[in-house]
Protein backbone atom coordinates (compact mmCIF):
# COMPACT_ATOMS: atom_id res chain seq x y z
CA MET A 1 -0.09 -0.09 -0.03
CA ASN A 2 1.64 3.34 -0.92
CA GLY A 3 1.73 6.20 1.47
CA VAL A 4 -1.21 8.32 0.05
CA ALA A 5 -3.55 5.38 0.44
CA LEU A 6 -2.25 4.66 3.93
CA LEU A 7 -2.84 8.38 4.96
CA LEU A 8 -6.30 8.31 3.40
CA ALA A 9 -7.03 5.26 5.51
CA ILE A 10 -5.89 6.88 8.71
CA TRP A 11 -7.43 10.22 7.76
CA TYR A 12 -10.94 8.71 7.16
CA ASP A 13 -10.62 6.21 9.78
CA ILE A 14 -11.00 3.35 7.34
CA ASP A 15 -9.55 0.08 8.14
CA ALA A 16 -6.48 -0.47 5.68
CA MET A 17 -7.57 -4.01 4.69
CA ASN A 18 -11.24 -2.59 3.92
CA LEU A 19 -9.46 0.02 1.68
CA ILE A 20 -7.49 -2.86 -0.16
CA THR A 21 -10.51 -5.11 -0.48
CA GLY A 22 -12.31 -2.08 -2.20
CA PHE A 23 -9.59 -1.41 -4.38
CA THR A 24 -9.40 -5.14 -5.53
CA LYS A 25 -13.05 -5.16 -6.16
CA LEU A 26 -12.81 -1.94 -8.22
CA ILE A 27 -10.15 -3.44 -10.52
CA GLY A 28 -11.70 -6.95 -10.67
CA LEU A 29 -9.48 -8.84 -8.44
CA ASP A 30 -11.97 -9.48 -5.94
CA GLY A 31 -11.07 -12.74 -4.14
CA TYR A 32 -7.55 -12.95 -5.82
CA TYR A 33 -5.77 -12.00 -2.39
CA LYS A 34 -8.42 -13.62 0.07
CA PRO A 35 -6.96 -16.63 1.67
CA VAL A 36 -9.11 -19.91 0.99
CA PRO A 37 -8.71 -23.41 2.12
CA LEU A 38 -6.23 -25.31 -0.17
CA ALA A 39 -8.96 -27.97 -0.76
CA ASP A 40 -11.01 -25.35 -2.43
CA LEU A 41 -8.09 -23.73 -4.19
CA ALA A 42 -6.79 -27.07 -5.75
CA GLY A 43 -9.88 -27.32 -7.96
CA VAL A 44 -9.60 -23.72 -9.19
CA VAL A 45 -5.79 -23.83 -10.04
CA GLU A 46 -5.95 -27.42 -11.18
CA ILE A 47 -2.90 -28.45 -8.89
CA PRO A 48 -3.36 -31.35 -6.51
CA GLU A 49 -4.14 -30.40 -3.11
CA SER A 50 -1.39 -32.77 -1.77
CA THR A 51 1.09 -30.95 -3.99
CA LEU A 52 -0.17 -27.50 -2.60
CA ARG A 53 -0.04 -28.99 0.96
CA ARG A 54 3.65 -30.11 0.42
CA ALA A 55 4.68 -26.90 -0.93
CA ALA A 56 3.24 -24.96 1.97
CA GLY A 57 4.78 -27.21 4.57
CA ASP A 58 8.25 -26.81 2.77
CA LYS A 59 7.71 -23.00 2.61
CA ARG A 60 7.54 -22.76 -1.23
CA LEU A 61 4.08 -21.60 -1.08
CA LYS A 62 3.18 -18.68 1.08
CA ALA A 63 0.22 -20.33 3.21
CA GLY A 64 -0.81 -20.42 6.80
CA LYS A 65 -2.39 -22.93 8.97
CA VAL A 66 -5.71 -22.33 10.73
CA GLY A 67 -6.36 -25.37 12.99
CA ASN A 68 -5.67 -28.43 10.63
CA VAL A 69 -6.50 -26.49 7.47
CA TRP A 70 -4.04 -24.94 5.25
CA ILE A 71 -5.00 -21.68 3.68
CA ALA A 72 -3.60 -19.70 0.79
CA SER A 73 -4.55 -17.01 -1.68
CA PRO A 74 -4.71 -17.41 -5.50
CA ALA A 75 -2.24 -14.82 -5.70
CA ALA A 76 0.18 -16.83 -3.55
CA VAL A 77 -0.25 -19.82 -5.73
CA ASP A 78 0.12 -17.76 -8.74
CA ARG A 79 3.49 -16.25 -7.39
CA ALA A 80 4.82 -19.73 -6.57
CA VAL A 81 3.90 -21.11 -9.94
CA ARG A 82 5.47 -18.22 -11.87
CA ALA A 83 8.85 -18.67 -9.58
CA GLY A 84 8.78 -22.35 -10.60
CA LYS A 85 8.33 -23.32 -7.00
CA MET A 86 5.25 -25.60 -7.79
CA LYS A 87 7.14 -28.23 -9.96
CA GLY A 88 5.70 -31.57 -9.40
CA ARG A 89 7.83 -34.43 -8.51
CA LYS A 90 9.77 -36.49 -11.37
CA GLY A 91 9.31 -40.15 -11.62
């Protein structure tokens, strides 16, 4: 978030995350940065859930764990794929 947006958020007493969410909706990226369970994400990105879980556990995918459920955003998966961190096992 740039300084102007942060100042506007503070000035108007708006939560910074709501400002980012509103901006992503405005430019058509609604949900792109929202963390979702890897099980749900696997069907969308066509990468097996087990591969996503393994990448999250190996820190190749920026993800978090809520209880027993791994969560990540589509943006995080996209970054990992583009960086070549999501290559499958050979064999």
